[in-house]
All heavy atoms as atom14 arrays in JSON, in Angstrom:
{
  "sequence": "VFLALLLMVASGLFYLAMNGNLLAIIVMASVWTICCV",
  "atom14_mask": [
    [1, 1, 1, 1, 1, 1, 1, 0, 0, 0, 0, 0, 0, 0],
    [1, 1, 1, 1, 1, 1, 1, 1, 1, 1, 1, 0, 0, 0],
    [1, 1, 1, 1, 1, 1, 1, 1, 0, 0, 0, 0, 0, 0],
    [1, 1, 1, 1, 1, 0, 0, 0, 0, 0, 0, 0, 0, 0],
    [1, 1, 1, 1, 1, 1, 1, 1, 0, 0, 0, 0, 0, 0],
    [1, 1, 1, 1, 1, 1, 1, 1, 0, 0, 0, 0, 0, 0],
    [1, 1, 1, 1, 1, 1, 1, 1, 0, 0, 0, 0, 0, 0],
    [1, 1, 1, 1, 1, 1, 1, 1, 0, 0, 0, 0, 0, 0],
    [1, 1, 1, 1, 1, 1, 1, 0, 0, 0, 0, 0, 0, 0],
    [1, 1, 1, 1, 1, 0, 0, 0, 0, 0, 0, 0, 0, 0],
    [1, 1, 1, 1, 1, 1, 0, 0, 0, 0, 0, 0, 0, 0],
    [1, 1, 1, 1, 0, 0, 0, 0, 0, 0, 0, 0, 0, 0],
    [1, 1, 1, 1, 1, 1, 1, 1, 0, 0, 0, 0, 0, 0],
    [1, 1, 1, 1, 1, 1, 1, 1, 1, 1, 1, 0, 0, 0],
    [1, 1, 1, 1, 1, 1, 1, 1, 1, 1, 1, 1, 0, 0],
    [1, 1, 1, 1, 1, 1, 1, 1, 0, 0, 0, 0, 0, 0],
    [1, 1, 1, 1, 1, 0, 0, 0, 0, 0, 0, 0, 0, 0],
    [1, 1, 1, 1, 1, 1, 1, 1, 0, 0, 0, 0, 0, 0],
    [1, 1, 1, 1, 1, 1, 1, 1, 0, 0, 0, 0, 0, 0],
    [1, 1, 1, 1, 0, 0, 0, 0, 0, 0, 0, 0, 0, 0],
    [1, 1, 1, 1, 1, 1, 1, 1, 0, 0, 0, 0, 0, 0],
    [1, 1, 1, 1, 1, 1, 1, 1, 0, 0, 0, 0, 0, 0],
    [1, 1, 1, 1, 1, 1, 1, 1, 0, 0, 0, 0, 0, 0],
    [1, 1, 1, 1, 1, 0, 0, 0, 0, 0, 0, 0, 0, 0],
    [1, 1, 1, 1, 1, 1, 1, 1, 0, 0, 0, 0, 0, 0],
    [1, 1, 1, 1, 1, 1, 1, 1, 0, 0, 0, 0, 0, 0],
    [1, 1, 1, 1, 1, 1, 1, 0, 0, 0, 0, 0, 0, 0],
    [1, 1, 1, 1, 1, 1, 1, 1, 0, 0, 0, 0, 0, 0],
    [1, 1, 1, 1, 1, 0, 0, 0, 0, 0, 0, 0, 0, 0],
    [1, 1, 1, 1, 1, 1, 0, 0, 0, 0, 0, 0, 0, 0],
    [1, 1, 1, 1, 1, 1, 1, 0, 0, 0, 0, 0, 0, 0],
    [1, 1, 1, 1, 1, 1, 1, 1, 1, 1, 1, 1, 1, 1],
    [1, 1, 1, 1, 1, 1, 1, 0, 0, 0, 0, 0, 0, 0],
    [1, 1, 1, 1, 1, 1, 1, 1, 0, 0, 0, 0, 0, 0],
    [1, 1, 1, 1, 1, 1, 0, 0, 0, 0, 0, 0, 0, 0],
    [1, 1, 1, 1, 1, 1, 0, 0, 0, 0, 0, 0, 0, 0],
    [1, 1, 1, 1, 1, 1, 1, 0, 0, 0, 0, 0, 0, 0]
  ],
  "atom14_positions": [
    [[-57.57, 10.25, -140.59], [-56.24, 10.26, -139.97], [-55.55, 11.59, -140.28], [-54.96, 12.22, -139.4], [-55.39, 9.06, -140.47], [-53.94, 9.2, -140.06], [-55.98, 7.76, -139.94], [0.0, 0.0, 0.0], [0.0, 0.0, 0.0], [0.0, 0.0, 0.0], [0.0, 0.0, 0.0], [0.0, 0.0, 0.0], [0.0, 0.0, 0.0], [0.0, 0.0, 0.0]],
    [[-55.62, 12.03, -141.54], [-55.03, 13.3, -141.92], [-55.66, 14.45, -141.15], [-54.97, 15.34, -140.66], [-55.19, 13.52, -143.43], [-54.7, 14.86, -143.89], [-53.35, 15.12, -143.98], [-55.6, 15.86, -144.23], [-52.89, 16.36, -144.4], [-55.15, 17.09, -144.64], [-53.79, 17.34, -144.73], [0.0, 0.0, 0.0], [0.0, 0.0, 0.0], [0.0, 0.0, 0.0]],
    [[-56.99, 14.42, -141.01], [-57.68, 15.48, -140.28], [-57.27, 15.49, -138.81], [-57.05, 16.55, -138.22], [-59.19, 15.3, -140.41], [-60.06, 16.41, -139.83], [-59.78, 17.72, -140.55], [-61.52, 16.06, -139.92], [0.0, 0.0, 0.0], [0.0, 0.0, 0.0], [0.0, 0.0, 0.0], [0.0, 0.0, 0.0], [0.0, 0.0, 0.0], [0.0, 0.0, 0.0]],
    [[-57.14, 14.31, -138.21], [-56.73, 14.23, -136.81], [-55.3, 14.77, -136.64], [-55.02, 15.52, -135.69], [-56.81, 12.79, -136.32], [0.0, 0.0, 0.0], [0.0, 0.0, 0.0], [0.0, 0.0, 0.0], [0.0, 0.0, 0.0], [0.0, 0.0, 0.0], [0.0, 0.0, 0.0], [0.0, 0.0, 0.0], [0.0, 0.0, 0.0], [0.0, 0.0, 0.0]],
    [[-54.4, 14.41, -137.54], [-53.03, 14.92, -137.47], [-53.0, 16.44, -137.66], [-52.27, 17.15, -136.97], [-52.15, 14.24, -138.53], [-51.82, 12.78, -138.28], [-51.1, 12.19, -139.48], [-50.98, 12.64, -137.02], [0.0, 0.0, 0.0], [0.0, 0.0, 0.0], [0.0, 0.0, 0.0], [0.0, 0.0, 0.0], [0.0, 0.0, 0.0], [0.0, 0.0, 0.0]],
    [[-53.82, 16.93, -138.58], [-53.89, 18.36, -138.82], [-54.39, 19.1, -137.56], [-53.85, 20.14, -137.19], [-54.8, 18.64, -140.0], [-54.84, 20.06, -140.53], [-53.48, 20.45, -141.09], [-55.9, 20.19, -141.59], [0.0, 0.0, 0.0], [0.0, 0.0, 0.0], [0.0, 0.0, 0.0], [0.0, 0.0, 0.0], [0.0, 0.0, 0.0], [0.0, 0.0, 0.0]],
    [[-55.39, 18.54, -136.91], [-55.9, 19.15, -135.68], [-54.87, 19.11, -134.56], [-54.76, 20.06, -133.77], [-57.19, 18.46, -135.25], [-58.42, 18.79, -136.09], [-59.6, 17.92, -135.67], [-58.78, 20.26, -135.98], [0.0, 0.0, 0.0], [0.0, 0.0, 0.0], [0.0, 0.0, 0.0], [0.0, 0.0, 0.0], [0.0, 0.0, 0.0], [0.0, 0.0, 0.0]],
    [[-54.1, 18.03, -134.49], [-53.06, 17.94, -133.47], [-51.97, 18.99, -133.71], [-51.51, 19.65, -132.77], [-52.45, 16.53, -133.44], [-53.31, 15.5, -132.76], [-52.46, 13.94, -132.56], [-53.08, 13.07, -133.97], [0.0, 0.0, 0.0], [0.0, 0.0, 0.0], [0.0, 0.0, 0.0], [0.0, 0.0, 0.0], [0.0, 0.0, 0.0], [0.0, 0.0, 0.0]],
    [[-51.56, 19.15, -134.97], [-50.55, 20.16, -135.28], [-51.09, 21.55, -134.98], [-50.38, 22.39, -134.4], [-50.11, 20.03, -136.77], [-49.27, 21.22, -137.2], [-49.34, 18.74, -136.98], [0.0, 0.0, 0.0], [0.0, 0.0, 0.0], [0.0, 0.0, 0.0], [0.0, 0.0, 0.0], [0.0, 0.0, 0.0], [0.0, 0.0, 0.0], [0.0, 0.0, 0.0]],
    [[-52.34, 21.81, -135.34], [-52.94, 23.11, -135.07], [-53.03, 23.36, -133.57], [-52.76, 24.47, -133.09], [-54.32, 23.2, -135.71], [0.0, 0.0, 0.0], [0.0, 0.0, 0.0], [0.0, 0.0, 0.0], [0.0, 0.0, 0.0], [0.0, 0.0, 0.0], [0.0, 0.0, 0.0], [0.0, 0.0, 0.0], [0.0, 0.0, 0.0], [0.0, 0.0, 0.0]],
    [[-53.38, 22.33, -132.82], [-53.45, 22.48, -131.37], [-52.08, 22.77, -130.78], [-51.93, 23.62, -129.89], [-54.01, 21.21, -130.72], [-55.31, 20.96, -131.18], [0.0, 0.0, 0.0], [0.0, 0.0, 0.0], [0.0, 0.0, 0.0], [0.0, 0.0, 0.0], [0.0, 0.0, 0.0], [0.0, 0.0, 0.0], [0.0, 0.0, 0.0], [0.0, 0.0, 0.0]],
    [[-51.06, 22.08, -131.27], [-49.7, 22.32, -130.8], [-49.23, 23.73, -131.12], [-48.62, 24.4, -130.29], [0.0, 0.0, 0.0], [0.0, 0.0, 0.0], [0.0, 0.0, 0.0], [0.0, 0.0, 0.0], [0.0, 0.0, 0.0], [0.0, 0.0, 0.0], [0.0, 0.0, 0.0], [0.0, 0.0, 0.0], [0.0, 0.0, 0.0], [0.0, 0.0, 0.0]],
    [[-49.53, 24.18, -132.35], [-49.15, 25.55, -132.72], [-49.89, 26.56, -131.85], [-49.32, 27.57, -131.43], [-49.46, 25.8, -134.19], [-48.46, 25.26, -135.2], [-48.99, 25.46, -136.61], [-47.12, 25.95, -135.04], [0.0, 0.0, 0.0], [0.0, 0.0, 0.0], [0.0, 0.0, 0.0], [0.0, 0.0, 0.0], [0.0, 0.0, 0.0], [0.0, 0.0, 0.0]],
    [[-51.15, 26.31, -131.6], [-51.94, 27.22, -130.76], [-51.36, 27.27, -129.34], [-51.23, 28.34, -128.75], [-53.4, 26.78, -130.73], [-54.29, 27.71, -129.97], [-54.66, 28.93, -130.51], [-54.75, 27.37, -128.71], [-55.47, 29.8, -129.8], [-55.56, 28.24, -128.0], [-55.92, 29.45, -128.55], [0.0, 0.0, 0.0], [0.0, 0.0, 0.0], [0.0, 0.0, 0.0]],
    [[-50.99, 26.1, -128.82], [-50.41, 26.04, -127.48], [-49.09, 26.83, -127.43], [-48.86, 27.61, -126.51], [-50.18, 24.59, -127.07], [-49.47, 24.43, -125.76], [-50.13, 24.64, -124.56], [-48.11, 24.09, -125.71], [-49.48, 24.52, -123.34], [-47.45, 23.96, -124.51], [-48.14, 24.17, -123.33], [-47.49, 24.06, -122.12], [0.0, 0.0, 0.0], [0.0, 0.0, 0.0]],
    [[-48.24, 26.61, -128.43], [-46.97, 27.32, -128.46], [-47.18, 28.83, -128.64], [-46.47, 29.64, -128.04], [-46.09, 26.78, -129.59], [-45.54, 25.37, -129.38], [-44.84, 24.88, -130.65], [-44.59, 25.33, -128.19], [0.0, 0.0, 0.0], [0.0, 0.0, 0.0], [0.0, 0.0, 0.0], [0.0, 0.0, 0.0], [0.0, 0.0, 0.0], [0.0, 0.0, 0.0]],
    [[-48.15, 29.21, -129.48], [-48.42, 30.62, -129.69], [-48.94, 31.28, -128.42], [-48.61, 32.42, -128.12], [-49.42, 30.81, -130.83], [0.0, 0.0, 0.0], [0.0, 0.0, 0.0], [0.0, 0.0, 0.0], [0.0, 0.0, 0.0], [0.0, 0.0, 0.0], [0.0, 0.0, 0.0], [0.0, 0.0, 0.0], [0.0, 0.0, 0.0], [0.0, 0.0, 0.0]],
    [[-49.75, 30.56, -127.66], [-50.27, 31.11, -126.4], [-49.15, 31.3, -125.38], [-49.25, 32.16, -124.5], [-51.36, 30.2, -125.82], [-52.63, 30.17, -126.63], [-53.4, 31.78, -126.81], [-53.91, 32.09, -125.14], [0.0, 0.0, 0.0], [0.0, 0.0, 0.0], [0.0, 0.0, 0.0], [0.0, 0.0, 0.0], [0.0, 0.0, 0.0], [0.0, 0.0, 0.0]],
    [[-48.08, 30.53, -125.5], [-46.94, 30.67, -124.59], [-45.92, 31.67, -125.1], [-44.85, 31.81, -124.52], [-46.27, 29.31, -124.36], [-47.13, 28.41, -123.51], [-47.88, 28.89, -122.66], [-47.03, 27.11, -123.73], [0.0, 0.0, 0.0], [0.0, 0.0, 0.0], [0.0, 0.0, 0.0], [0.0, 0.0, 0.0], [0.0, 0.0, 0.0], [0.0, 0.0, 0.0]],
    [[-46.23, 32.36, -126.21], [-45.37, 33.43, -126.67], [-44.31, 33.02, -127.67], [-43.39, 33.79, -127.94], [0.0, 0.0, 0.0], [0.0, 0.0, 0.0], [0.0, 0.0, 0.0], [0.0, 0.0, 0.0], [0.0, 0.0, 0.0], [0.0, 0.0, 0.0], [0.0, 0.0, 0.0], [0.0, 0.0, 0.0], [0.0, 0.0, 0.0], [0.0, 0.0, 0.0]],
    [[-44.4, 31.85, -128.26], [-43.44, 31.41, -129.26], [-43.69, 32.19, -130.55], [-44.73, 32.04, -131.2], [-43.57, 29.9, -129.5], [-42.49, 29.36, -130.39], [-41.96, 30.07, -131.23], [-42.15, 28.1, -130.19], [0.0, 0.0, 0.0], [0.0, 0.0, 0.0], [0.0, 0.0, 0.0], [0.0, 0.0, 0.0], [0.0, 0.0, 0.0], [0.0, 0.0, 0.0]],
    [[-42.74, 33.04, -130.92], [-42.91, 33.91, -132.07], [-43.03, 33.13, -133.37], [-43.85, 33.48, -134.24], [-41.73, 34.9, -132.15], [-41.82, 35.95, -133.24], [-43.04, 36.83, -133.03], [-40.55, 36.79, -133.26], [0.0, 0.0, 0.0], [0.0, 0.0, 0.0], [0.0, 0.0, 0.0], [0.0, 0.0, 0.0], [0.0, 0.0, 0.0], [0.0, 0.0, 0.0]],
    [[-42.27, 32.08, -133.54], [-42.34, 31.27, -134.77], [-43.72, 30.64, -134.92], [-44.28, 30.63, -136.02], [-41.25, 30.2, -134.76], [-41.18, 29.32, -136.0], [-40.89, 30.18, -137.23], [-40.13, 28.25, -135.84], [0.0, 0.0, 0.0], [0.0, 0.0, 0.0], [0.0, 0.0, 0.0], [0.0, 0.0, 0.0], [0.0, 0.0, 0.0], [0.0, 0.0, 0.0]],
    [[-44.28, 30.14, -133.83], [-45.62, 29.55, -133.89], [-46.67, 30.6, -134.25], [-47.6, 30.32, -135.01], [-45.97, 28.89, -132.56], [0.0, 0.0, 0.0], [0.0, 0.0, 0.0], [0.0, 0.0, 0.0], [0.0, 0.0, 0.0], [0.0, 0.0, 0.0], [0.0, 0.0, 0.0], [0.0, 0.0, 0.0], [0.0, 0.0, 0.0], [0.0, 0.0, 0.0]],
    [[-46.5, 31.81, -133.73], [-47.44, 32.89, -134.05], [-47.36, 33.23, -135.54], [-48.39, 33.39, -136.21], [-47.15, 34.12, -133.17], [-47.45, 33.82, -131.71], [-47.94, 35.34, -133.65], [-46.98, 34.88, -130.73], [0.0, 0.0, 0.0], [0.0, 0.0, 0.0], [0.0, 0.0, 0.0], [0.0, 0.0, 0.0], [0.0, 0.0, 0.0], [0.0, 0.0, 0.0]],
    [[-46.14, 33.31, -136.07], [-45.96, 33.63, -137.49], [-46.55, 32.53, -138.37], [-47.23, 32.81, -139.36], [-44.47, 33.86, -137.79], [-43.99, 35.14, -137.11], [-44.21, 33.92, -139.29], [-42.49, 35.35, -137.16], [0.0, 0.0, 0.0], [0.0, 0.0, 0.0], [0.0, 0.0, 0.0], [0.0, 0.0, 0.0], [0.0, 0.0, 0.0], [0.0, 0.0, 0.0]],
    [[-46.3, 31.27, -138.01], [-46.83, 30.15, -138.79], [-48.35, 30.16, -138.76], [-49.01, 30.0, -139.79], [-46.26, 28.81, -138.28], [-47.0, 27.63, -138.9], [-44.78, 28.71, -138.58], [0.0, 0.0, 0.0], [0.0, 0.0, 0.0], [0.0, 0.0, 0.0], [0.0, 0.0, 0.0], [0.0, 0.0, 0.0], [0.0, 0.0, 0.0], [0.0, 0.0, 0.0]],
    [[-48.94, 30.37, -137.58], [-50.4, 30.39, -137.48], [-50.99, 31.55, -138.28], [-52.01, 31.38, -138.96], [-50.84, 30.47, -136.02], [-50.72, 29.15, -135.3], [-51.4, 29.2, -133.65], [-53.11, 29.56, -133.96], [0.0, 0.0, 0.0], [0.0, 0.0, 0.0], [0.0, 0.0, 0.0], [0.0, 0.0, 0.0], [0.0, 0.0, 0.0], [0.0, 0.0, 0.0]],
    [[-50.36, 32.71, -138.23], [-50.85, 33.86, -138.99], [-50.76, 33.6, -140.49], [-51.67, 33.94, -141.24], [-50.06, 35.11, -138.61], [0.0, 0.0, 0.0], [0.0, 0.0, 0.0], [0.0, 0.0, 0.0], [0.0, 0.0, 0.0], [0.0, 0.0, 0.0], [0.0, 0.0, 0.0], [0.0, 0.0, 0.0], [0.0, 0.0, 0.0], [0.0, 0.0, 0.0]],
    [[-49.67, 32.96, -140.92], [-49.5, 32.65, -142.33], [-50.55, 31.65, -142.81], [-51.15, 31.84, -143.87], [-48.1, 32.09, -142.59], [-47.12, 33.01, -142.22], [0.0, 0.0, 0.0], [0.0, 0.0, 0.0], [0.0, 0.0, 0.0], [0.0, 0.0, 0.0], [0.0, 0.0, 0.0], [0.0, 0.0, 0.0], [0.0, 0.0, 0.0], [0.0, 0.0, 0.0]],
    [[-50.75, 30.61, -142.03], [-51.74, 29.59, -142.4], [-53.13, 30.21, -142.43], [-53.93, 29.94, -143.34], [-51.66, 28.39, -141.44], [-52.84, 27.46, -141.64], [-50.35, 27.65, -141.63], [0.0, 0.0, 0.0], [0.0, 0.0, 0.0], [0.0, 0.0, 0.0], [0.0, 0.0, 0.0], [0.0, 0.0, 0.0], [0.0, 0.0, 0.0], [0.0, 0.0, 0.0]],
    [[-53.46, 31.03, -141.44], [-54.77, 31.67, -141.39], [-54.97, 32.58, -142.6], [-56.05, 32.59, -143.2], [-54.92, 32.45, -140.09], [-56.24, 33.11, -139.94], [-56.48, 34.44, -139.98], [-57.5, 32.47, -139.76], [-57.83, 34.67, -139.82], [-58.47, 33.49, -139.69], [-57.9, 31.15, -139.66], [-59.83, 33.2, -139.51], [-59.25, 30.88, -139.48], [-60.19, 31.88, -139.41]],
    [[-53.94, 33.33, -142.98], [-54.03, 34.21, -144.15], [-54.25, 33.41, -145.42], [-55.11, 33.77, -146.24], [-52.74, 35.05, -144.27], [-52.56, 35.8, -143.07], [-52.79, 35.97, -145.46], [0.0, 0.0, 0.0], [0.0, 0.0, 0.0], [0.0, 0.0, 0.0], [0.0, 0.0, 0.0], [0.0, 0.0, 0.0], [0.0, 0.0, 0.0], [0.0, 0.0, 0.0]],
    [[-53.51, 32.33, -145.58], [-53.67, 31.48, -146.76], [-55.08, 30.9, -146.81], [-55.71, 30.86, -147.87], [-52.6, 30.38, -146.79], [-51.23, 31.01, -147.05], [-52.91, 29.32, -147.82], [-50.06, 30.07, -146.83], [0.0, 0.0, 0.0], [0.0, 0.0, 0.0], [0.0, 0.0, 0.0], [0.0, 0.0, 0.0], [0.0, 0.0, 0.0], [0.0, 0.0, 0.0]],
    [[-55.59, 30.45, -145.69], [-56.95, 29.88, -145.64], [-58.0, 30.92, -146.0], [-58.95, 30.62, -146.74], [-57.24, 29.3, -144.26], [-56.33, 27.79, -143.91], [0.0, 0.0, 0.0], [0.0, 0.0, 0.0], [0.0, 0.0, 0.0], [0.0, 0.0, 0.0], [0.0, 0.0, 0.0], [0.0, 0.0, 0.0], [0.0, 0.0, 0.0], [0.0, 0.0, 0.0]],
    [[-57.84, 32.14, -145.51], [-58.8, 33.2, -145.82], [-58.78, 33.56, -147.3], [-59.83, 33.71, -147.94], [-58.53, 34.43, -144.97], [-58.98, 34.23, -143.25], [0.0, 0.0, 0.0], [0.0, 0.0, 0.0], [0.0, 0.0, 0.0], [0.0, 0.0, 0.0], [0.0, 0.0, 0.0], [0.0, 0.0, 0.0], [0.0, 0.0, 0.0], [0.0, 0.0, 0.0]],
    [[-57.58, 33.67, -147.87], [-57.46, 33.99, -149.3], [-58.04, 32.86, -150.14], [-58.76, 33.09, -151.12], [-55.99, 34.27, -149.67], [-55.79, 34.33, -151.17], [-55.52, 35.54, -149.0], [0.0, 0.0, 0.0], [0.0, 0.0, 0.0], [0.0, 0.0, 0.0], [0.0, 0.0, 0.0], [0.0, 0.0, 0.0], [0.0, 0.0, 0.0], [0.0, 0.0, 0.0]]
  ]
}
């Protein structure tokens, strides 16, 4: 359930980022950076 919710949130952020939402882009970049580190 947690994994499904996480994927839904990630999909929503990706959708918003593709539409040019700056906050979604910043959040996705931050999460990606944290995951890489």
